[in-house]
């Protein structure tokens, strides 16, 4: 079994990764359905049909990739596979960047820039400062370019409120970016560090944070062996000084992702009975 030394952040990502992977494509697919319906019923008649079809196809591709990553992200021991986190970050970043630019030219909506907060905040779930900063800069640059090339649709018409409106948009985006970066920083630094200092969270996660899966199994085997030896060294004594040696057989079940306590007990019992039928007086962790 491959060794994994897990921090609290690793334990969090191990649980949250698959949710994050599905969250972004699900939101994108919902937007594709909404825009398509709006086009059909005539609410957005100016939407380019070829661009809308391309948008829908891209969202189907995103969703397919997300489902694949979701189903193949965990190893047999329930731990996130090596490099899956990096792949997930790249996937989410690419999807968000393409979606933001595609919608900026697809939808003739002057207030589309306000959705920048939603796109940026999706990266916060990874608690990766570099990723959040990079994605925020990409969205800011993309927004600036879209305002320049598609200003007639995305900006207010030139007039009395043009400069104040532009100024307020810039301030809002800057404050949004600062807030997102602050959330990422404090989340990764203080919330995760607090998990490391306290044990009031999932017991299995707490154990995983302090030892690798196989070292934990070895510790359980050593403890069971000590118990077996301690019990076996004292024979049962009957009258007339008759002593009967004690044989101890122990079945050990290993936790795997998604297994319940009832299933673990059943697995341990099957190993126990297997040991009794094959020599007794032993530890059985594998059949």
Protein backbone atom coordinates (compact mmCIF):
# COMPACT_ATOMS: atom_id res chain seq x y z
CA UNK A 1 0.00 0.00 0.00
CA UNK A 2 1.31 3.44 -0.90
CA UNK A 3 2.12 5.72 2.06
CA UNK A 4 0.30 9.02 2.52
CA UNK A 5 1.29 11.52 5.20
CA UNK A 6 -1.73 13.80 5.50
CA UNK A 7 -2.02 17.28 6.92
CA UNK A 8 -5.39 18.74 7.90
CA UNK A 9 -5.52 20.51 4.54
CA UNK A 10 -4.83 17.20 2.76
CA UNK A 11 -7.62 15.54 4.74
CA UNK A 12 -10.01 18.36 3.83
CA UNK A 13 -9.12 18.21 0.12
CA UNK A 14 -9.41 14.43 0.17
CA UNK A 15 -13.05 14.81 1.19
CA UNK A 16 -13.93 18.00 -0.72
CA UNK A 17 -12.09 17.39 -4.01
CA UNK A 18 -14.85 15.49 -5.77
CA UNK A 19 -17.50 17.98 -4.67
CA UNK A 20 -15.41 20.87 -6.03
CA UNK A 21 -14.78 19.04 -9.30
CA UNK A 22 -18.53 18.63 -9.90
CA UNK A 23 -19.57 22.05 -8.62
CA UNK A 24 -18.11 24.18 -11.41
CA UNK A 25 -19.27 22.10 -14.43
CA UNK A 26 -22.71 21.77 -12.81
CA UNK A 27 -23.03 25.55 -12.57
CA UNK A 28 -21.77 25.88 -16.14
CA UNK A 29 -24.25 23.29 -17.41
CA UNK A 30 -27.08 25.09 -15.63
CA UNK A 31 -26.10 28.35 -17.35
CA UNK A 32 -26.05 26.57 -20.72
CA UNK A 33 -29.58 25.30 -20.16
CA UNK A 34 -30.79 28.75 -19.07
CA UNK A 35 -29.22 30.58 -22.04
CA UNK A 36 -30.56 28.00 -24.47
CA UNK A 37 -34.08 28.31 -23.06
CA UNK A 38 -33.85 32.11 -23.14
CA UNK A 39 -32.81 31.95 -26.78
CA UNK A 40 -35.70 29.63 -27.67
CA UNK A 41 -38.39 31.71 -25.93
CA UNK A 42 -37.00 34.95 -27.31
CA UNK A 43 -35.67 36.60 -24.14
CA UNK A 44 -32.14 36.77 -25.60
CA UNK A 45 -32.77 37.07 -29.34
CA UNK A 46 -29.37 38.68 -29.99
CA UNK A 47 -27.41 35.65 -28.81
CA UNK A 48 -25.35 34.16 -31.64
CA UNK A 49 -26.69 30.71 -32.46
CA UNK A 50 -23.27 29.27 -33.46
CA UNK A 51 -21.70 30.65 -30.26
CA UNK A 52 -24.54 29.23 -28.18
CA UNK A 53 -24.20 25.79 -29.77
CA UNK A 54 -20.45 25.88 -29.15
CA UNK A 55 -21.15 26.91 -25.54
CA UNK A 56 -23.54 23.99 -25.01
CA UNK A 57 -21.10 21.49 -26.54
CA UNK A 58 -18.26 22.78 -24.37
CA UNK A 59 -20.39 22.37 -21.26
CA UNK A 60 -21.18 18.78 -22.18
CA UNK A 61 -17.44 18.17 -22.54
CA UNK A 62 -16.72 19.84 -19.17
CA UNK A 63 -19.35 17.73 -17.45
CA UNK A 64 -18.06 14.50 -19.01
CA UNK A 65 -14.50 15.24 -17.88
CA UNK A 66 -15.73 16.16 -14.39
CA UNK A 67 -17.64 12.89 -14.06
CA UNK A 68 -14.54 10.96 -15.14
CA UNK A 69 -12.36 12.79 -12.60
CA UNK A 70 -15.01 12.23 -9.95
CA UNK A 71 -15.15 8.48 -10.53
CA UNK A 72 -11.39 7.94 -10.84
CA UNK A 73 -10.06 10.38 -8.24
CA UNK A 74 -9.69 8.03 -5.27
CA UNK A 75 -7.38 5.06 -4.84
CA UNK A 76 -8.57 1.76 -3.35
CA UNK A 77 -7.70 2.96 0.18
CA UNK A 78 -9.94 6.01 -0.23
CA UNK A 79 -7.06 8.49 -0.54
CA UNK A 80 -6.85 10.99 -3.38
CA UNK A 81 -4.66 9.63 -6.16
CA UNK A 82 -1.30 11.20 -6.80
CA UNK A 83 -1.42 14.28 -9.09
CA UNK A 84 -5.25 14.26 -9.09
CA UNK A 85 -5.32 17.48 -7.07
CA UNK A 86 -3.06 19.22 -9.58
CA UNK A 87 -5.17 17.95 -12.48
CA UNK A 88 -8.31 19.15 -10.72
CA UNK A 89 -6.91 22.64 -10.21
CA UNK A 90 -5.88 22.90 -13.84
CA UNK A 91 -9.28 21.62 -14.99
CA UNK A 92 -11.25 24.08 -12.84
CA UNK A 93 -9.01 27.00 -13.86
CA UNK A 94 -9.36 26.24 -17.57
CA UNK A 95 -13.14 25.82 -17.32
CA UNK A 96 -13.61 29.07 -15.41
CA UNK A 97 -11.38 31.05 -17.76
CA UNK A 98 -13.07 29.73 -20.92
CA UNK A 99 -16.54 30.17 -19.44
CA UNK A 100 -15.90 33.75 -18.38
CA UNK A 101 -14.59 34.80 -21.78
CA UNK A 102 -17.20 32.85 -23.73
CA UNK A 103 -20.11 34.37 -21.81
CA UNK A 104 -18.60 37.86 -22.02
CA UNK A 105 -19.01 37.78 -25.81
CA UNK A 106 -22.08 35.52 -25.90
CA UNK A 107 -24.50 37.41 -23.65
CA UNK A 108 -25.25 41.11 -24.34
CA UNK A 109 -25.56 41.92 -20.64
CA UNK A 110 -23.95 45.09 -19.24
CA UNK A 111 -23.94 43.79 -15.67
CA UNK A 112 -22.19 40.50 -16.45
CA UNK A 113 -18.99 41.80 -14.81
CA UNK A 114 -20.69 41.48 -11.40
CA UNK A 115 -20.47 37.68 -11.66
CA UNK A 116 -16.67 37.93 -11.29
CA UNK A 117 -17.07 37.25 -7.56
CA UNK A 118 -18.74 33.89 -8.21
CA UNK A 119 -16.03 32.80 -10.65
CA UNK A 120 -13.22 33.84 -8.32
CA UNK A 121 -14.73 32.31 -5.19
CA UNK A 122 -14.85 28.82 -6.74
CA UNK A 123 -11.06 28.68 -6.51
CA UNK A 124 -11.13 29.41 -2.76
CA UNK A 125 -12.24 25.85 -1.99
CA UNK A 126 -8.73 24.63 -2.88
CA UNK A 127 -7.13 27.02 -0.34
CA UNK A 128 -4.34 27.64 -2.84
CA UNK A 129 -3.21 31.28 -2.79
CA UNK A 130 -1.31 31.05 -6.08
CA UNK A 131 -4.30 29.48 -7.87
CA UNK A 132 -6.73 32.09 -6.54
CA UNK A 133 -4.42 34.97 -7.40
CA UNK A 134 -3.76 33.64 -10.90
CA UNK A 135 -7.43 33.05 -11.66
CA UNK A 136 -8.40 36.48 -10.28
CA UNK A 137 -5.82 38.20 -12.47
CA UNK A 138 -6.98 36.24 -15.52
CA UNK A 139 -10.60 37.30 -14.95
CA UNK A 140 -9.64 40.94 -14.39
CA UNK A 141 -7.53 41.02 -17.56
CA UNK A 142 -10.21 39.20 -19.57
CA UNK A 143 -12.87 41.61 -18.31
CA UNK A 144 -10.77 44.62 -19.28
CA UNK A 145 -10.24 43.21 -22.78
CA UNK A 146 -13.95 42.44 -23.22
CA UNK A 147 -14.87 45.97 -22.16
CA UNK A 148 -12.51 47.31 -24.80
CA UNK A 149 -13.60 45.08 -27.69
CA UNK A 150 -17.26 44.60 -26.74
CA UNK A 151 -17.91 47.85 -24.97
CA UNK A 152 -21.09 48.65 -26.88
CA UNK A 153 -22.75 45.64 -25.21
CA UNK A 154 -20.93 45.48 -21.86
CA UNK A 155 -20.51 49.16 -20.95
CA UNK A 156 -23.04 51.92 -20.39
CA UNK A 157 -23.44 54.35 -23.24
CA UNK A 158 -21.18 57.41 -23.24
CA UNK A 159 -22.78 60.19 -21.26
CA UNK A 160 -23.10 61.71 -17.83
CA UNK A 161 -22.69 58.42 -15.91
CA UNK A 162 -20.06 56.71 -18.04
CA UNK A 163 -17.01 57.68 -15.95
CA UNK A 164 -18.66 57.16 -12.52
CA UNK A 165 -20.02 53.79 -13.65
CA UNK A 166 -16.61 52.69 -14.92
CA UNK A 167 -14.92 53.88 -11.73
CA UNK A 168 -17.40 52.01 -9.49
CA UNK A 169 -16.99 48.82 -11.51
CA UNK A 170 -13.22 48.95 -11.11
CA UNK A 171 -13.47 49.60 -7.36
CA UNK A 172 -15.97 46.77 -6.94
CA UNK A 173 -13.78 44.27 -8.79
CA UNK A 174 -10.71 45.32 -6.81
CA UNK A 175 -12.53 44.93 -3.50
CA UNK A 176 -13.93 41.60 -4.66
CA UNK A 177 -10.46 40.36 -5.54
CA UNK A 178 -9.04 41.51 -2.20
CA UNK A 179 -11.87 39.76 -0.33
CA UNK A 180 -11.37 36.51 -2.23
CA UNK A 181 -7.63 36.54 -1.56
CA UNK A 182 -8.22 37.28 2.12
CA UNK A 183 -10.65 34.34 2.37
CA UNK A 184 -8.09 32.06 0.78
CA UNK A 185 -5.30 33.26 3.05
CA UNK A 186 -7.20 33.07 6.32
CA UNK A 187 -8.88 29.82 5.38
CA UNK A 188 -5.62 28.04 4.55
CA UNK A 189 -3.61 29.55 7.39
CA UNK A 190 -5.87 29.81 10.41
CA UNK A 191 -8.80 27.45 9.89
CA UNK A 192 -6.58 24.58 8.79
CA UNK A 193 -4.04 25.26 11.54
CA UNK A 194 -6.89 25.19 14.05
CA UNK A 195 -7.84 21.71 12.82
CA UNK A 196 -4.28 20.59 13.46
CA UNK A 197 -4.47 21.78 17.07
CA UNK A 198 -7.80 20.25 18.01
CA UNK A 199 -9.24 16.78 17.81
CA UNK A 200 -12.91 17.74 17.65
CA UNK A 201 -13.25 16.61 14.07
CA UNK A 202 -13.60 13.27 12.36
CA UNK A 203 -11.66 10.61 14.28
CA UNK A 204 -10.46 8.82 11.17
CA UNK A 205 -9.18 12.09 9.70
CA UNK A 206 -7.39 12.80 12.98
CA UNK A 207 -5.65 9.44 12.83
CA UNK A 208 -4.75 9.85 9.16
CA UNK A 209 -3.13 13.19 9.92
CA UNK A 210 -0.66 11.50 12.25
CA UNK A 211 0.35 8.37 10.47
CA UNK A 212 0.18 6.73 7.08
CA UNK A 213 -2.51 4.15 6.40
CA UNK A 214 -0.11 1.21 6.40
CA UNK A 215 1.69 2.32 9.59
CA UNK A 216 -1.70 2.55 11.29
CA UNK A 217 -2.49 -1.00 10.20
CA UNK A 218 0.90 -2.19 11.48
CA UNK A 219 0.22 -0.51 14.84
CA UNK A 220 -3.11 -2.34 15.06
CA UNK A 221 -1.40 -5.66 14.26
CA UNK A 222 1.23 -5.08 16.96
CA UNK A 223 -1.44 -4.22 19.53
CA UNK A 224 -3.48 -7.31 18.64
CA UNK A 225 -0.39 -9.49 18.89
CA UNK A 226 0.37 -8.17 22.39
CA UNK A 227 -3.20 -8.90 23.46
CA UNK A 228 -3.03 -12.40 22.00
CA UNK A 229 0.26 -13.18 23.75
CA UNK A 230 -0.90 -11.76 27.09
CA UNK A 231 -4.03 -13.92 27.08
CA UNK A 232 -2.33 -17.06 25.72
CA UNK A 233 0.43 -17.12 28.36
CA UNK A 234 -2.06 -17.81 31.17
CA UNK A 235 -3.64 -21.28 30.74
CA UNK A 236 -7.06 -22.10 32.14
CA UNK A 237 -6.69 -24.17 35.33
CA UNK A 238 -9.22 -26.77 36.41
CA UNK A 239 -9.43 -28.98 39.47
CA UNK A 240 -6.84 -31.72 39.96
CA UNK A 241 -4.20 -29.29 38.64
CA UNK A 242 -5.33 -29.71 35.07
CA UNK A 243 -4.26 -26.80 32.85
CA UNK A 244 -5.58 -26.14 29.39
CA UNK A 245 -3.60 -23.78 27.14
CA UNK A 246 -5.50 -20.91 25.54
CA UNK A 247 -5.44 -20.26 21.82
CA UNK A 248 -6.35 -16.78 20.61
CA UNK A 249 -7.39 -16.04 17.07
CA UNK A 250 -8.08 -12.42 16.08
CA UNK A 251 -9.55 -11.13 12.83
CA UNK A 252 -8.51 -7.59 11.86
CA UNK A 253 -10.49 -5.42 9.45
CA UNK A 254 -8.94 -2.44 7.67
CA UNK A 255 -10.91 0.75 7.06
CA UNK A 256 -11.51 1.55 3.40
CA UNK A 257 -13.34 4.51 1.91
CA UNK A 258 -17.08 4.30 2.42
CA UNK A 259 -17.09 1.11 4.51
CA UNK A 260 -19.46 1.12 7.50
CA UNK A 261 -18.75 -0.17 11.02
CA UNK A 262 -21.18 -3.04 10.41
CA UNK A 263 -19.28 -4.05 7.28
CA UNK A 264 -15.96 -3.83 9.14
CA UNK A 265 -17.30 -6.10 11.90
CA UNK A 266 -18.52 -8.60 9.31
CA UNK A 267 -15.13 -8.53 7.61
CA UNK A 268 -13.34 -9.06 10.94
CA UNK A 269 -15.64 -12.00 11.80
CA UNK A 270 -14.99 -13.69 8.46
CA UNK A 271 -11.23 -13.42 9.06
CA UNK A 272 -11.68 -14.73 12.61
CA UNK A 273 -13.51 -17.86 11.45
CA UNK A 274 -11.02 -18.32 8.64
CA UNK A 275 -8.21 -18.29 11.21
CA UNK A 276 -10.00 -20.80 13.43
CA UNK A 277 -10.34 -23.20 10.50
CA UNK A 278 -6.71 -22.79 9.47
CA UNK A 279 -4.52 -23.41 12.50
CA UNK A 280 -5.97 -21.14 15.21
CA UNK A 281 -3.81 -19.05 17.56
CA UNK A 282 -3.01 -16.34 15.00
CA UNK A 283 -3.79 -12.89 13.65
CA UNK A 284 -5.66 -12.73 10.36
CA UNK A 285 -5.68 -9.43 8.45
CA UNK A 286 -5.91 -10.88 4.94
CA UNK A 287 -7.67 -13.91 3.50
